[in-house]
Every structure is written in C-alpha cells, then in structure tokens.
Amino acid sequence: MSEIPPQSSGLGSLAQSARGKQLKTARGIMLFVGILTILFNGFLFFNAENEVKKVTQDEVRKAGGAVHPAQVRDFEATVLRFCRLIYGGSILLGVVFVVLGIIVKKYPVPATAIALILYVGSMVIFAVLVPGSIASGIIVKIIIIVALIKSLTAAIAYQKEQQMSAEELPA
C-alpha cells in the first residue's frame, strides 16, 4: 500500500494566502516607487538645462559679472552632464523597481531583497550627495522600508511553503 502524502493544513494555506497578499503589497510598493522615480527624475532630467542656467546666472550676478563667458559655458556643460548622469541613473533605478514589481510573484525573495537593498542604497547615496535629502519625506521612506522588510520576510516564508508543497507531490 502506498503512503498518502501529508496534506497541508488549512492553517498553512491560510498563512500562504496572507503571504501572497503581502507579496501583492510589495508589488504595489515597487511599482509605486518605480513609477514615481521615473516620473520625478524624468522631469528633472529634461529640466536640468534650465536649472543649471538659472543657478549659473544667479552665481554670475553674485560675482558681479566678473566671470569669463567661456568659463561659464564650460562650468554649465560640466554641471549639466553631472545632473543628467544622476537623473538618468535614477530613471534606470525606477525602471529596475518596476521590473522587480512585475517579477516579484515569480521570484519573491530575490525581487524583494534587491528592492530593499536598492532603496536603502539609493537613500544612502543621495544622503551623501545632498545631506538634507535624508530628512525629506522621512516618514514615507520609513514606511516603505518597513513594508519592504515585512514583504521580504513574507517572501521567504512564501517560498519555503512553495518548496515544501512541491516536495510533498508524488513523483
């Protein structure tokens, strides 16, 4: 007589369902952060030239206009390249968040872990570049980090449960 594999308890499937909902939340967070990052930095990317010119003109005025125009153009070009590099990199980061949100159901642990690492890492990088940025929107940042941490723990449990269910299936 063949042995009947143990069935997962109703409690296990209920917990798995809750973890699945947590992954949907993680997906929503990743998509939200990604889309917002793309839109915000896209605007900054395309407006960078205007901002650089405005700031440069203000600084030239403060200096009393005693700056050679060629130096001003060179400075503007350098600052513009730097701004576009930062904003372009941020847009790419937003795209990565969207992709992670799309694949989180298929790869729950790697997607949530990478999202958490990238989110915290980007906050650290921007805090180094612009120290005041860490305090800007701190409540939202904390909420996102806590939600991603909860999503990561749920993803780990979700994946373990899936692996255990796959092992219980007869060959």
N, C-alpha and C. Protein backbone atom coordinates (compact mmCIF):
# COMPACT_ATOMS: atom_id res chain seq x y z
N MET A 1 0.83 -1.16 0.00
CA MET A 1 0.00 0.00 0.00
C MET A 1 0.89 1.24 0.00
N SER A 2 0.56 2.21 -0.85
CA SER A 2 1.38 3.41 -0.92
C SER A 2 0.96 4.38 0.18
N GLU A 3 1.94 5.09 0.64
CA GLU A 3 1.70 6.05 1.71
C GLU A 3 1.11 7.33 1.11
N ILE A 4 0.11 7.87 1.75
CA ILE A 4 -0.54 9.10 1.30
C ILE A 4 0.28 10.27 1.83
N PRO A 5 0.69 11.18 0.94
CA PRO A 5 1.48 12.32 1.41
C PRO A 5 0.65 13.21 2.31
N PRO A 6 1.28 13.76 3.33
CA PRO A 6 0.52 14.63 4.23
C PRO A 6 0.00 15.85 3.48
N GLN A 7 -1.25 16.16 3.75
CA GLN A 7 -1.88 17.33 3.13
C GLN A 7 -1.52 18.56 3.96
N SER A 8 -1.34 19.67 3.28
CA SER A 8 -1.06 20.88 4.03
C SER A 8 -2.33 21.28 4.77
N SER A 9 -2.17 21.68 6.00
CA SER A 9 -3.32 22.03 6.82
C SER A 9 -3.98 23.30 6.30
N GLY A 10 -5.22 23.48 6.65
CA GLY A 10 -5.95 24.68 6.27
C GLY A 10 -5.25 25.92 6.79
N LEU A 11 -4.62 25.79 7.95
CA LEU A 11 -3.90 26.90 8.54
C LEU A 11 -2.71 27.29 7.67
N GLY A 12 -2.01 26.30 7.10
CA GLY A 12 -0.86 26.57 6.24
C GLY A 12 -1.28 27.31 4.99
N SER A 13 -2.39 26.88 4.38
CA SER A 13 -2.81 27.55 3.15
C SER A 13 -3.34 28.96 3.45
N LEU A 14 -3.91 29.14 4.64
CA LEU A 14 -4.36 30.47 5.04
C LEU A 14 -3.16 31.40 5.23
N ALA A 15 -2.12 30.88 5.85
CA ALA A 15 -0.90 31.66 6.03
C ALA A 15 -0.26 31.97 4.68
N GLN A 16 -0.29 30.97 3.78
CA GLN A 16 0.28 31.16 2.45
C GLN A 16 -0.52 32.24 1.69
N SER A 17 -1.82 32.25 1.89
CA SER A 17 -2.66 33.27 1.27
C SER A 17 -2.31 34.66 1.79
N ALA A 18 -2.07 34.76 3.09
CA ALA A 18 -1.68 36.04 3.69
C ALA A 18 -0.33 36.49 3.15
N ARG A 19 0.58 35.53 2.98
CA ARG A 19 1.89 35.87 2.42
C ARG A 19 1.75 36.34 0.98
N GLY A 20 0.84 35.70 0.24
CA GLY A 20 0.58 36.11 -1.14
C GLY A 20 0.07 37.55 -1.19
N LYS A 21 -0.78 37.91 -0.23
CA LYS A 21 -1.28 39.29 -0.16
C LYS A 21 -0.13 40.25 0.16
N GLN A 22 0.77 39.81 1.01
CA GLN A 22 1.93 40.65 1.35
C GLN A 22 2.81 40.86 0.11
N LEU A 23 2.91 39.83 -0.73
CA LEU A 23 3.68 39.97 -1.97
C LEU A 23 2.99 40.94 -2.93
N LYS A 24 1.66 40.94 -2.93
CA LYS A 24 0.93 41.91 -3.75
C LYS A 24 1.20 43.32 -3.25
N THR A 25 1.28 43.47 -1.94
CA THR A 25 1.62 44.77 -1.37
C THR A 25 3.03 45.18 -1.79
N ALA A 26 3.95 44.23 -1.74
CA ALA A 26 5.33 44.50 -2.16
C ALA A 26 5.35 44.92 -3.62
N ARG A 27 4.57 44.22 -4.43
CA ARG A 27 4.49 44.56 -5.85
C ARG A 27 4.00 46.00 -6.03
N GLY A 28 2.95 46.34 -5.29
CA GLY A 28 2.42 47.70 -5.37
C GLY A 28 3.44 48.74 -4.95
N ILE A 29 4.18 48.46 -3.89
CA ILE A 29 5.20 49.40 -3.41
C ILE A 29 6.30 49.57 -4.46
N MET A 30 6.76 48.44 -5.01
CA MET A 30 7.82 48.51 -6.02
C MET A 30 7.37 49.28 -7.26
N LEU A 31 6.14 49.01 -7.70
CA LEU A 31 5.62 49.73 -8.87
C LEU A 31 5.45 51.21 -8.56
N PHE A 32 4.92 51.52 -7.37
CA PHE A 32 4.74 52.92 -6.96
C PHE A 32 6.06 53.65 -6.91
N VAL A 33 7.04 53.06 -6.22
CA VAL A 33 8.36 53.70 -6.10
C VAL A 33 9.00 53.84 -7.49
N GLY A 34 8.89 52.79 -8.30
CA GLY A 34 9.49 52.82 -9.63
C GLY A 34 8.88 53.88 -10.52
N ILE A 35 7.57 53.91 -10.60
CA ILE A 35 6.89 54.87 -11.48
C ILE A 35 7.12 56.30 -10.99
N LEU A 36 7.01 56.51 -9.68
CA LEU A 36 7.25 57.84 -9.13
C LEU A 36 8.69 58.29 -9.40
N THR A 37 9.64 57.39 -9.25
CA THR A 37 11.05 57.69 -9.50
C THR A 37 11.27 58.05 -10.97
N ILE A 38 10.67 57.29 -11.87
CA ILE A 38 10.80 57.56 -13.30
C ILE A 38 10.22 58.93 -13.65
N LEU A 39 9.01 59.20 -13.17
CA LEU A 39 8.36 60.48 -13.50
C LEU A 39 9.11 61.68 -12.92
N PHE A 40 9.45 61.60 -11.65
CA PHE A 40 10.12 62.72 -10.99
C PHE A 40 11.48 63.01 -11.62
N ASN A 41 12.28 61.95 -11.78
CA ASN A 41 13.62 62.15 -12.34
C ASN A 41 13.58 62.42 -13.84
N GLY A 42 12.57 61.95 -14.52
CA GLY A 42 12.39 62.30 -15.92
C GLY A 42 12.16 63.79 -16.08
N PHE A 43 11.31 64.35 -15.22
CA PHE A 43 11.09 65.80 -15.24
C PHE A 43 12.40 66.54 -14.96
N LEU A 44 13.12 66.11 -13.92
CA LEU A 44 14.38 66.77 -13.57
C LEU A 44 15.40 66.64 -14.70
N PHE A 45 15.45 65.47 -15.34
CA PHE A 45 16.38 65.24 -16.44
C PHE A 45 16.13 66.23 -17.58
N PHE A 46 14.87 66.38 -17.97
CA PHE A 46 14.55 67.25 -19.09
C PHE A 46 14.56 68.74 -18.72
N ASN A 47 14.49 69.04 -17.44
CA ASN A 47 14.53 70.43 -16.98
C ASN A 47 15.92 70.83 -16.49
N ALA A 48 16.87 69.93 -16.51
CA ALA A 48 18.20 70.17 -15.95
C ALA A 48 18.89 71.37 -16.60
N GLU A 49 18.80 71.50 -17.90
CA GLU A 49 19.47 72.61 -18.59
C GLU A 49 18.96 73.95 -18.08
N ASN A 50 17.65 74.09 -17.92
CA ASN A 50 17.08 75.33 -17.40
C ASN A 50 17.56 75.62 -15.98
N GLU A 51 17.58 74.59 -15.15
CA GLU A 51 18.00 74.76 -13.76
C GLU A 51 19.47 75.17 -13.68
N VAL A 52 20.30 74.50 -14.48
CA VAL A 52 21.74 74.82 -14.47
C VAL A 52 21.96 76.27 -14.91
N LYS A 53 21.29 76.69 -15.97
CA LYS A 53 21.43 78.07 -16.46
C LYS A 53 20.96 79.08 -15.40
N LYS A 54 19.86 78.77 -14.75
CA LYS A 54 19.33 79.67 -13.72
C LYS A 54 20.31 79.81 -12.56
N VAL A 55 20.80 78.71 -12.07
CA VAL A 55 21.74 78.74 -10.95
C VAL A 55 23.03 79.44 -11.35
N THR A 56 23.52 79.16 -12.55
CA THR A 56 24.75 79.79 -13.02
C THR A 56 24.58 81.29 -13.15
N GLN A 57 23.46 81.74 -13.71
CA GLN A 57 23.19 83.18 -13.86
C GLN A 57 23.13 83.86 -12.50
N ASP A 58 22.50 83.20 -11.54
CA ASP A 58 22.43 83.76 -10.19
C ASP A 58 23.83 83.91 -9.59
N GLU A 59 24.67 82.92 -9.79
CA GLU A 59 26.04 82.96 -9.24
C GLU A 59 26.88 84.02 -9.95
N VAL A 60 26.70 84.16 -11.26
CA VAL A 60 27.45 85.18 -12.01
C VAL A 60 27.03 86.57 -11.52
N ARG A 61 25.73 86.77 -11.27
CA ARG A 61 25.24 88.04 -10.73
C ARG A 61 25.86 88.33 -9.37
N LYS A 62 25.92 87.32 -8.52
CA LYS A 62 26.52 87.49 -7.19
C LYS A 62 27.99 87.88 -7.30
N ALA A 63 28.66 87.35 -8.32
CA ALA A 63 30.09 87.65 -8.52
C ALA A 63 30.28 89.00 -9.20
N GLY A 64 29.20 89.68 -9.50
CA GLY A 64 29.29 90.99 -10.14
C GLY A 64 29.59 90.89 -11.63
N GLY A 65 29.35 89.74 -12.22
CA GLY A 65 29.56 89.57 -13.66
C GLY A 65 31.02 89.46 -14.06
N ALA A 66 31.92 89.32 -13.09
CA ALA A 66 33.35 89.29 -13.38
C ALA A 66 33.83 87.87 -13.71
N VAL A 67 33.08 87.18 -14.55
CA VAL A 67 33.45 85.81 -14.92
C VAL A 67 33.45 85.74 -16.44
N HIS A 68 34.47 85.11 -16.97
CA HIS A 68 34.59 84.99 -18.43
C HIS A 68 33.47 84.07 -18.96
N PRO A 69 32.78 84.48 -20.03
CA PRO A 69 31.67 83.67 -20.58
C PRO A 69 32.07 82.24 -20.97
N ALA A 70 33.30 82.04 -21.44
CA ALA A 70 33.74 80.68 -21.80
C ALA A 70 33.82 79.79 -20.57
N GLN A 71 34.25 80.37 -19.45
CA GLN A 71 34.31 79.60 -18.19
C GLN A 71 32.90 79.23 -17.73
N VAL A 72 31.98 80.15 -17.91
CA VAL A 72 30.59 79.90 -17.53
C VAL A 72 30.03 78.76 -18.36
N ARG A 73 30.26 78.79 -19.68
CA ARG A 73 29.76 77.72 -20.56
C ARG A 73 30.37 76.36 -20.20
N ASP A 74 31.68 76.35 -19.92
CA ASP A 74 32.34 75.10 -19.54
C ASP A 74 31.77 74.56 -18.23
N PHE A 75 31.57 75.47 -17.28
CA PHE A 75 31.00 75.08 -15.99
C PHE A 75 29.59 74.53 -16.17
N GLU A 76 28.77 75.23 -16.95
CA GLU A 76 27.41 74.77 -17.20
C GLU A 76 27.39 73.39 -17.85
N ALA A 77 28.26 73.17 -18.81
CA ALA A 77 28.31 71.87 -19.50
C ALA A 77 28.69 70.75 -18.53
N THR A 78 29.64 71.02 -17.66
CA THR A 78 30.08 70.01 -16.68
C THR A 78 28.96 69.69 -15.69
N VAL A 79 28.33 70.72 -15.17
CA VAL A 79 27.24 70.53 -14.20
C VAL A 79 26.07 69.82 -14.87
N LEU A 80 25.77 70.19 -16.10
CA LEU A 80 24.66 69.56 -16.82
C LEU A 80 24.93 68.06 -17.03
N ARG A 81 26.16 67.71 -17.41
CA ARG A 81 26.50 66.28 -17.56
C ARG A 81 26.31 65.53 -16.25
N PHE A 82 26.78 66.13 -15.17
CA PHE A 82 26.65 65.50 -13.85
C PHE A 82 25.17 65.33 -13.48
N CYS A 83 24.38 66.37 -13.69
CA CYS A 83 22.94 66.28 -13.37
C CYS A 83 22.26 65.20 -14.20
N ARG A 84 22.55 65.17 -15.48
CA ARG A 84 21.92 64.17 -16.34
C ARG A 84 22.37 62.76 -15.98
N LEU A 85 23.60 62.62 -15.54
CA LEU A 85 24.08 61.30 -15.08
C LEU A 85 23.30 60.86 -13.85
N ILE A 86 23.13 61.75 -12.89
CA ILE A 86 22.39 61.43 -11.66
C ILE A 86 20.93 61.14 -11.98
N TYR A 87 20.28 62.01 -12.73
CA TYR A 87 18.86 61.83 -13.05
C TYR A 87 18.65 60.61 -13.95
N GLY A 88 19.53 60.41 -14.91
CA GLY A 88 19.42 59.23 -15.78
C GLY A 88 19.58 57.94 -15.00
N GLY A 89 20.55 57.94 -14.07
CA GLY A 89 20.73 56.76 -13.21
C GLY A 89 19.51 56.51 -12.34
N SER A 90 18.90 57.58 -11.87
CA SER A 90 17.69 57.44 -11.05
C SER A 90 16.52 56.92 -11.88
N ILE A 91 16.43 57.35 -13.13
CA ILE A 91 15.38 56.82 -14.01
C ILE A 91 15.59 55.32 -14.21
N LEU A 92 16.83 54.92 -14.43
CA LEU A 92 17.16 53.50 -14.57
C LEU A 92 16.78 52.73 -13.30
N LEU A 93 17.05 53.31 -12.15
CA LEU A 93 16.67 52.69 -10.88
C LEU A 93 15.16 52.51 -10.81
N GLY A 94 14.41 53.51 -11.26
CA GLY A 94 12.95 53.41 -11.30
C GLY A 94 12.49 52.27 -12.19
N VAL A 95 13.14 52.11 -13.34
CA VAL A 95 12.81 51.01 -14.25
C VAL A 95 13.08 49.67 -13.58
N VAL A 96 14.18 49.58 -12.84
CA VAL A 96 14.50 48.34 -12.12
C VAL A 96 13.42 48.03 -11.09
N PHE A 97 12.94 49.04 -10.38
CA PHE A 97 11.86 48.83 -9.41
C PHE A 97 10.59 48.31 -10.10
N VAL A 98 10.26 48.87 -11.25
CA VAL A 98 9.08 48.40 -11.99
C VAL A 98 9.26 46.94 -12.39
N VAL A 99 10.43 46.60 -12.91
CA VAL A 99 10.70 45.20 -13.31
C VAL A 99 10.61 44.28 -12.10
N LEU A 100 11.17 44.70 -10.98
CA LEU A 100 11.10 43.88 -9.76
C LEU A 100 9.65 43.69 -9.31
N GLY A 101 8.85 44.74 -9.44
CA GLY A 101 7.43 44.64 -9.10
C GLY A 101 6.71 43.65 -10.00
N ILE A 102 7.10 43.61 -11.25
CA ILE A 102 6.47 42.69 -12.20
C ILE A 102 6.85 41.24 -11.92
N ILE A 103 8.10 41.00 -11.51
CA ILE A 103 8.57 39.61 -11.33
C ILE A 103 8.52 39.12 -9.89
N VAL A 104 8.00 39.92 -8.97
CA VAL A 104 8.04 39.55 -7.55
C VAL A 104 7.27 38.25 -7.26
N LYS A 105 6.23 37.96 -7.99
CA LYS A 105 5.45 36.74 -7.74
C LYS A 105 6.24 35.50 -8.17
N LYS A 106 7.02 35.63 -9.25
CA LYS A 106 7.80 34.51 -9.75
C LYS A 106 9.09 34.30 -8.93
N TYR A 107 9.72 35.39 -8.53
CA TYR A 107 10.97 35.35 -7.75
C TYR A 107 10.81 36.19 -6.49
N PRO A 108 10.01 35.73 -5.54
CA PRO A 108 9.67 36.59 -4.40
C PRO A 108 10.85 37.05 -3.55
N VAL A 109 11.75 36.14 -3.19
CA VAL A 109 12.84 36.53 -2.30
C VAL A 109 13.86 37.42 -3.01
N PRO A 110 14.36 37.00 -4.18
CA PRO A 110 15.34 37.89 -4.84
C PRO A 110 14.76 39.27 -5.18
N ALA A 111 13.53 39.33 -5.65
CA ALA A 111 12.94 40.61 -6.05
C ALA A 111 12.78 41.54 -4.85
N THR A 112 12.28 41.03 -3.74
CA THR A 112 12.08 41.90 -2.57
C THR A 112 13.42 42.27 -1.93
N ALA A 113 14.36 41.33 -1.90
CA ALA A 113 15.68 41.63 -1.32
C ALA A 113 16.40 42.70 -2.15
N ILE A 114 16.38 42.54 -3.46
CA ILE A 114 17.03 43.52 -4.33
C ILE A 114 16.36 44.88 -4.20
N ALA A 115 15.03 44.90 -4.14
CA ALA A 115 14.30 46.17 -4.00
C ALA A 115 14.69 46.87 -2.69
N LEU A 116 14.75 46.11 -1.61
CA LEU A 116 15.12 46.70 -0.32
C LEU A 116 16.55 47.24 -0.35
N ILE A 117 17.47 46.46 -0.87
CA ILE A 117 18.87 46.89 -0.95
C ILE A 117 19.01 48.14 -1.83
N LEU A 118 18.36 48.13 -2.98
CA LEU A 118 18.45 49.29 -3.87
C LEU A 118 17.81 50.53 -3.26
N TYR A 119 16.69 50.35 -2.58
CA TYR A 119 16.01 51.50 -1.98
C TYR A 119 16.88 52.13 -0.89
N VAL A 120 17.36 51.29 0.03
CA VAL A 120 18.20 51.81 1.11
C VAL A 120 19.52 52.36 0.54
N GLY A 121 20.10 51.65 -0.41
CA GLY A 121 21.35 52.10 -1.03
C GLY A 121 21.20 53.44 -1.71
N SER A 122 20.10 53.63 -2.42
CA SER A 122 19.88 54.92 -3.10
C SER A 122 19.69 56.04 -2.08
N MET A 123 19.04 55.73 -0.97
CA MET A 123 18.88 56.75 0.08
C MET A 123 20.24 57.15 0.64
N VAL A 124 21.12 56.18 0.83
CA VAL A 124 22.46 56.47 1.35
C VAL A 124 23.25 57.32 0.35
N ILE A 125 23.19 56.94 -0.92
CA ILE A 125 23.92 57.69 -1.95
C ILE A 125 23.42 59.13 -2.03
N PHE A 126 22.11 59.31 -2.02
CA PHE A 126 21.57 60.67 -2.09
C PHE A 126 21.85 61.45 -0.80
N ALA A 127 21.94 60.76 0.33
CA ALA A 127 22.28 61.45 1.58
C ALA A 127 23.73 61.95 1.53
N VAL A 128 24.60 61.21 0.85
CA VAL A 128 25.98 61.65 0.68
C VAL A 128 26.04 62.84 -0.28
N LEU A 129 25.29 62.75 -1.39
CA LEU A 129 25.30 63.83 -2.39
C LEU A 129 24.61 65.09 -1.88
N VAL A 130 23.46 64.90 -1.22
CA VAL A 130 22.66 66.03 -0.71
C VAL A 130 22.25 65.67 0.72
N PRO A 131 23.05 66.06 1.70
CA PRO A 131 22.79 65.63 3.09
C PRO A 131 21.37 65.90 3.59
N GLY A 132 20.74 66.96 3.15
CA GLY A 132 19.39 67.27 3.60
C GLY A 132 18.33 66.33 3.06
N SER A 133 18.68 65.53 2.05
CA SER A 133 17.68 64.65 1.43
C SER A 133 17.22 63.53 2.35
N ILE A 134 18.02 63.16 3.33
CA ILE A 134 17.64 62.06 4.23
C ILE A 134 16.40 62.43 5.04
N ALA A 135 16.29 63.70 5.42
CA ALA A 135 15.14 64.13 6.23
C ALA A 135 13.90 64.40 5.37
N SER A 136 14.11 64.62 4.10
CA SER A 136 13.00 64.91 3.20
C SER A 136 12.13 63.67 3.00
N GLY A 137 10.88 63.75 3.41
CA GLY A 137 9.96 62.63 3.27
C GLY A 137 10.33 61.43 4.12
N ILE A 138 10.91 61.66 5.28
CA ILE A 138 11.42 60.58 6.14
C ILE A 138 10.32 59.60 6.55
N ILE A 139 9.12 60.08 6.81
CA ILE A 139 8.02 59.20 7.22
C ILE A 139 7.69 58.21 6.09
N VAL A 140 7.58 58.72 4.88
CA VAL A 140 7.28 57.85 3.73
C VAL A 140 8.41 56.85 3.52
N LYS A 141 9.65 57.32 3.64
CA LYS A 141 10.81 56.43 3.47
C LYS A 141 10.78 55.30 4.50
N ILE A 142 10.48 55.64 5.73
CA ILE A 142 10.43 54.62 6.79
C ILE A 142 9.31 53.62 6.51
N ILE A 143 8.15 54.12 6.10
CA ILE A 143 7.03 53.24 5.78
C ILE A 143 7.41 52.27 4.65
N ILE A 144 8.06 52.78 3.62
CA ILE A 144 8.47 51.93 2.50
C ILE A 144 9.49 50.89 2.95
N ILE A 145 10.46 51.29 3.76
CA ILE A 145 11.47 50.34 4.24
C ILE A 145 10.82 49.26 5.10
N VAL A 146 9.96 49.65 6.02
CA VAL A 146 9.29 48.67 6.89
C VAL A 146 8.44 47.71 6.05
N ALA A 147 7.71 48.26 5.08
CA ALA A 147 6.88 47.41 4.21
C ALA A 147 7.74 46.45 3.40
N LEU A 148 8.88 46.92 2.89
CA LEU A 148 9.76 46.02 2.13
C LEU A 148 10.38 44.95 3.02
N ILE A 149 10.71 45.30 4.25
CA ILE A 149 11.24 44.29 5.19
C ILE A 149 10.17 43.24 5.49
N LYS A 150 8.94 43.69 5.76
CA LYS A 150 7.84 42.75 6.00
C LYS A 150 7.59 41.89 4.77
N SER A 151 7.69 42.49 3.60
CA SER A 151 7.49 41.75 2.35
C SER A 151 8.59 40.72 2.16
N LEU A 152 9.81 41.06 2.53
CA LEU A 152 10.92 40.12 2.40
C LEU A 152 10.72 38.92 3.32
N THR A 153 10.31 39.16 4.56
CA THR A 153 10.07 38.03 5.47
C THR A 153 8.91 37.17 4.97
N ALA A 154 7.87 37.82 4.44
CA ALA A 154 6.74 37.07 3.87
C ALA A 154 7.19 36.29 2.64
N ALA A 155 8.05 36.88 1.83
CA ALA A 155 8.54 36.22 0.62
C ALA A 155 9.35 34.98 0.97
N ILE A 156 10.16 35.08 2.00
CA ILE A 156 10.96 33.93 2.44
C ILE A 156 10.04 32.80 2.89
N ALA A 157 9.05 33.13 3.71
CA ALA A 157 8.10 32.11 4.19
C ALA A 157 7.28 31.55 3.03
N TYR A 158 6.86 32.40 2.11
CA TYR A 158 6.07 32.00 0.94
C TYR A 158 6.87 31.01 0.09
N GLN A 159 8.12 31.33 -0.15
CA GLN A 159 8.96 30.46 -0.98
C GLN A 159 9.22 29.13 -0.28
N LYS A 160 9.45 29.15 1.03
CA LYS A 160 9.66 27.90 1.78
C LYS A 160 8.42 27.02 1.69
N GLU A 161 7.24 27.62 1.85
CA GLU A 161 5.99 26.86 1.78
C GLU A 161 5.80 26.27 0.39
N GLN A 162 6.14 27.04 -0.65
CA GLN A 162 6.03 26.52 -2.02
C GLN A 162 6.97 25.34 -2.23
N GLN A 163 8.18 25.44 -1.71
CA GLN A 163 9.15 24.36 -1.85
C GLN A 163 8.68 23.10 -1.10
N MET A 164 8.12 23.30 0.08
CA MET A 164 7.61 22.16 0.86
C MET A 164 6.45 21.51 0.14
N SER A 165 5.57 22.31 -0.46
CA SER A 165 4.43 21.75 -1.21
C SER A 165 4.90 20.98 -2.41
N ALA A 166 5.92 21.48 -3.08
CA ALA A 166 6.46 20.79 -4.27
C ALA A 166 7.10 19.46 -3.87
N GLU A 167 7.73 19.39 -2.70
CA GLU A 167 8.37 18.17 -2.24
C GLU A 167 7.33 17.13 -1.84
N GLU A 168 6.14 17.57 -1.41
CA GLU A 168 5.09 16.64 -0.98
C GLU A 168 4.42 15.95 -2.16
N LEU A 169 4.50 16.53 -3.35
CA LEU A 169 3.85 15.93 -4.51
C LEU A 169 4.51 14.60 -4.86
N PRO A 170 3.68 13.58 -5.19
CA PRO A 170 4.28 12.29 -5.57
C PRO A 170 4.98 12.40 -6.91
N ALA A 171 6.02 11.62 -7.06
CA ALA A 171 6.82 11.66 -8.30
C ALA A 171 6.13 11.02 -9.47
